[in-house]
Protein backbone atom coordinates (compact mmCIF):
# COMPACT_ATOMS: atom_id res chain seq x y z
CA UNK A 1 108.06 113.55 84.28
CA UNK A 2 111.15 111.46 85.60
CA UNK A 3 109.91 109.49 88.44
CA UNK A 4 111.92 107.38 90.91
CA UNK A 5 109.58 104.52 92.98
CA UNK A 6 111.02 103.01 96.30
CA UNK A 7 108.94 99.85 96.62
CA UNK A 8 109.12 98.25 100.02
CA UNK A 9 109.62 94.72 99.85
CA UNK A 10 106.55 94.16 102.34
CA UNK A 11 104.27 95.44 99.66
CA UNK A 12 105.84 94.26 96.77
CA UNK A 13 106.46 90.71 97.88
CA UNK A 14 104.70 90.15 101.19
CA UNK A 15 104.91 86.54 100.32
CA UNK A 16 106.52 85.07 97.25
CA UNK A 17 103.61 85.29 95.00
CA UNK A 18 103.24 86.61 91.22
CA UNK A 19 100.14 88.57 91.25
CA UNK A 20 101.40 91.44 93.28
CA UNK A 21 104.29 91.67 91.34
CA UNK A 22 102.43 91.62 88.01
CA UNK A 23 100.09 94.74 89.32
CA UNK A 24 103.46 96.43 89.91
CA UNK A 25 104.60 95.63 86.76
CA UNK A 26 101.49 96.51 84.89
CA UNK A 27 101.48 100.24 86.61
CA UNK A 28 105.11 100.86 85.79
CA UNK A 29 104.87 99.85 82.23
CA UNK A 30 101.50 102.13 82.17
CA UNK A 31 103.61 105.28 83.21
CA UNK A 32 106.39 104.23 80.97
CA UNK A 33 103.73 104.23 78.32
CA UNK A 34 102.24 107.38 78.95
CA UNK A 35 105.97 109.12 78.41
CA UNK A 36 107.20 109.16 81.82
CA UNK A 37 110.82 108.06 82.50
CA UNK A 38 110.35 105.73 85.51
CA UNK A 39 113.12 103.73 87.80
CA UNK A 40 112.50 101.52 90.83
CA UNK A 41 114.53 100.44 93.86
CA UNK A 42 113.18 97.23 95.48
CA UNK A 43 113.19 96.56 99.26
CA UNK A 44 113.65 93.22 100.98
CA UNK A 45 110.56 92.88 102.92
CA UNK A 46 109.76 89.84 105.48
CA UNK A 47 112.18 87.53 103.50
CA UNK A 48 114.96 89.57 104.36
CA UNK A 49 113.99 90.01 107.85
CA UNK A 50 113.57 86.23 108.13
CA UNK A 51 117.15 85.70 106.84
CA UNK A 52 118.52 88.64 108.81
CA UNK A 53 116.98 87.10 112.09
CA UNK A 54 118.29 83.59 111.18
CA UNK A 55 121.57 84.96 110.44
CA UNK A 56 121.77 87.15 113.51
CA UNK A 57 120.87 83.80 115.64
CA UNK A 58 124.07 82.02 113.87
CA UNK A 59 126.29 84.60 115.03
CA UNK A 60 126.77 86.69 111.81
CA UNK A 61 128.00 90.05 111.89
CA UNK A 62 126.12 92.98 110.88
CA UNK A 63 127.77 93.74 107.84
CA UNK A 64 127.37 90.12 106.72
CA UNK A 65 123.31 90.45 107.92
CA UNK A 66 123.23 93.75 105.81
CA UNK A 67 124.70 91.44 102.45
CA UNK A 68 121.82 89.06 103.18
CA UNK A 69 119.19 91.52 103.12
CA UNK A 70 120.78 93.05 100.14
CA UNK A 71 120.71 89.83 98.48
CA UNK A 72 116.91 89.40 99.10
CA UNK A 73 116.13 92.94 97.75
CA UNK A 74 117.75 91.60 94.40
CA UNK A 75 116.08 88.67 94.38
CA UNK A 76 112.92 90.52 94.62
CA UNK A 77 114.04 93.06 92.15
CA UNK A 78 114.57 89.83 89.79
CA UNK A 79 110.90 89.20 90.21
CA UNK A 80 109.82 92.68 89.01
CA UNK A 81 112.36 92.70 85.93
CA UNK A 82 110.65 89.44 85.01
CA UNK A 83 107.12 91.08 85.05
CA UNK A 84 107.77 94.48 83.41
CA UNK A 85 107.29 94.48 79.61
CA UNK A 86 109.48 97.56 78.82
CA UNK A 87 113.29 97.60 78.33
CA UNK A 88 114.98 96.92 81.35
CA UNK A 89 118.65 95.57 82.29
CA UNK A 90 118.18 91.64 82.49
CA UNK A 91 119.74 92.03 86.21
CA UNK A 92 118.96 94.60 89.28
CA UNK A 93 121.69 97.33 88.54
CA UNK A 94 124.09 97.38 91.54
CA UNK A 95 124.95 101.05 91.67
CA UNK A 96 123.89 104.72 90.92
CA UNK A 97 125.86 105.14 87.89
CA UNK A 98 124.67 102.10 86.26
CA UNK A 99 121.17 103.05 86.78
CA UNK A 100 121.80 106.67 85.39
CA UNK A 101 123.31 105.06 82.12
CA UNK A 102 120.24 103.05 82.02
CA UNK A 103 117.97 105.81 82.19
CA UNK A 104 120.11 107.70 79.36
CA UNK A 105 119.24 104.55 77.20
CA UNK A 106 115.60 104.85 77.65
CA UNK A 107 115.25 101.87 79.77
CA UNK A 108 113.64 101.28 83.20
CA UNK A 109 116.43 100.81 85.51
CA UNK A 110 115.51 98.30 88.41
CA UNK A 111 117.82 98.17 91.65
CA UNK A 112 118.07 96.25 95.01
CA UNK A 113 120.15 97.28 97.66
CA UNK A 114 123.70 98.74 96.96
CA UNK A 115 126.07 98.64 100.03
CA UNK A 116 125.76 97.64 103.60
CA UNK A 117 124.32 100.46 105.80
CA UNK A 118 122.57 101.97 103.01
CA UNK A 119 118.61 101.22 103.10
CA UNK A 120 116.70 100.73 99.89
CA UNK A 121 115.05 104.23 100.70
CA UNK A 122 118.30 105.94 100.74
CA UNK A 123 119.11 104.48 97.65
CA UNK A 124 116.05 105.20 95.91
CA UNK A 125 116.48 109.09 97.40
CA UNK A 126 119.95 109.21 95.95
CA UNK A 127 119.22 108.01 92.84
CA UNK A 128 116.22 110.51 92.39
CA UNK A 129 118.82 113.13 93.49
CA UNK A 130 121.34 111.66 90.95
CA UNK A 131 119.15 111.94 87.75
CA UNK A 132 117.40 115.01 89.27
CA UNK A 133 114.04 113.15 89.31
CA UNK A 134 110.56 115.13 88.83
CA UNK A 135 109.15 113.02 91.79
CA UNK A 136 110.17 110.56 94.39
CA UNK A 137 107.51 108.03 95.47
CA UNK A 138 107.99 105.91 98.68
CA UNK A 139 105.51 102.94 98.19
CA UNK A 140 105.19 101.71 102.04
CA UNK A 141 103.06 99.68 104.16
CA UNK A 142 101.19 102.61 105.54
CA UNK A 143 99.12 105.19 103.79
CA UNK A 144 101.50 108.20 104.37
CA UNK A 145 103.24 109.88 107.22
CA UNK A 146 101.79 110.08 110.51
CA UNK A 147 102.73 111.96 113.58
CA UNK A 148 102.99 108.39 115.31
CA UNK A 149 103.37 105.11 113.96
CA UNK A 150 100.00 103.94 113.34
CA UNK A 151 100.91 100.45 113.90
CA UNK A 152 101.56 101.27 117.51
CA UNK A 153 99.23 104.11 117.90
CA UNK A 154 95.48 103.92 116.92
CA UNK A 155 95.18 107.63 117.77
CA UNK A 156 97.74 108.52 115.20
CA UNK A 157 96.92 111.43 112.75
CA UNK A 158 98.02 111.64 108.87
CA UNK A 159 99.75 114.46 107.58
CA UNK A 160 98.46 115.59 104.12
CA UNK A 161 101.72 117.66 103.46
CA UNK A 162 104.80 118.15 105.17
CA UNK A 163 108.45 119.86 104.53
CA UNK A 164 111.60 117.80 104.54
CA UNK A 165 112.62 119.38 107.83
CA UNK A 166 109.07 118.31 109.41
CA UNK A 167 109.44 115.07 107.87
CA UNK A 168 112.71 114.63 109.75
CA UNK A 169 111.14 115.67 113.07
CA UNK A 170 108.68 113.11 112.63
CA UNK A 171 111.05 110.23 111.64
CA UNK A 172 113.28 111.09 114.44
CA UNK A 173 110.64 110.78 117.07
CA UNK A 174 109.31 107.57 115.84
CA UNK A 175 112.59 105.93 115.41
CA UNK A 176 113.59 106.53 118.87
CA UNK A 177 110.47 104.58 120.08
CA UNK A 178 111.28 100.81 120.67
CA UNK A 179 109.48 98.40 117.96
CA UNK A 180 108.53 101.36 115.92
CA UNK A 181 108.72 101.68 112.17
CA UNK A 182 109.08 104.91 110.29
CA UNK A 183 107.64 105.46 106.75
CA UNK A 184 110.78 106.72 105.31
CA UNK A 185 113.92 105.74 107.30
CA UNK A 186 116.47 108.38 108.85
CA UNK A 187 119.20 108.34 106.32
CA UNK A 188 116.57 108.56 103.26
CA UNK A 189 114.80 111.47 105.06
CA UNK A 190 118.25 113.40 105.48
CA UNK A 191 119.18 112.74 101.75
CA UNK A 192 115.75 113.96 100.83
CA UNK A 193 116.41 117.13 102.90
CA UNK A 194 119.50 118.27 101.29
CA UNK A 195 118.39 117.47 97.61
CA UNK A 196 115.22 119.31 97.48
CA UNK A 197 113.27 116.69 95.77
CA UNK A 198 109.51 116.48 95.54
CA UNK A 199 108.36 113.41 97.17
CA UNK A 200 105.16 111.44 98.01
CA UNK A 201 104.76 108.66 100.92
CA UNK A 202 101.82 106.57 100.19
CA UNK A 203 100.31 103.06 100.64
CA UNK A 204 102.03 100.64 98.37
CA UNK A 205 99.48 97.85 98.87
CA UNK A 206 97.52 99.59 96.36
CA UNK A 207 99.73 99.95 93.31
CA UNK A 208 97.24 101.86 91.54
CA UNK A 209 98.32 104.75 94.05
CA UNK A 210 101.79 104.97 91.90
CA UNK A 211 99.85 106.37 88.85
CA UNK A 212 97.63 108.58 91.25
CA UNK A 213 100.86 110.13 92.76
CA UNK A 214 102.23 111.00 89.06
CA UNK A 215 98.94 112.44 88.27
CA UNK A 216 98.64 114.40 91.79
CA UNK A 217 95.30 112.77 92.93
CA UNK A 218 96.95 110.10 95.66
CA UNK A 219 95.96 109.49 99.07
CA UNK A 220 99.36 109.81 100.73
CA UNK A 221 101.52 112.42 102.06
CA UNK A 222 103.37 115.14 99.69
CA UNK A 223 106.85 116.22 101.06
CA UNK A 224 107.04 119.68 99.63
CA UNK A 225 110.42 121.26 99.32
CA UNK A 226 110.79 124.63 101.20
CA UNK A 227 111.36 126.37 97.98
CA UNK A 228 108.25 125.15 96.24
């Protein structure tokens, strides 16, 4: 199975410590040893937000702030590269063509951000579409897709499964609420909608959920294309 994993920086590196990174690397190596092809895109998390907030306070423009965030995603990706035992390029890959070539060589391509305005969820979705992945996993800070932001609404209800069109409706409504965070951003959702990919949104605070997603026994939300 070809699997692309979008790992939120807030779950891979909630603080800069080794243990969570080691846990993710062990699962990724395990999937690889089980015969799966795996690629990973890493987000920036709280460290990126801290840099962006300070940069904005200092008067940096939005493109420069995006570049700050991208730099942090690549730092986080370097930590994962250091922990993974399987063959992976020595530095984070910066474009989808390089990641595709890495897949072709039998490696584990690991990326951070790529360009200003492109979220890491969107980078992962585009990579999954490019390589025709069998499964795209969004490892987030929430255990699936809810009908409202569960961090803002205690009565939010989790969906077991959704179509991409329904996911777009949910994400659009959440992103309209000030201070709310959708489990998958709007750009990634639009790419997912066009691609026909099968995806899972799950709680990345438990790295073992990645293995469960590949086996079909996870506790998250399945995004099922309309043609399935």
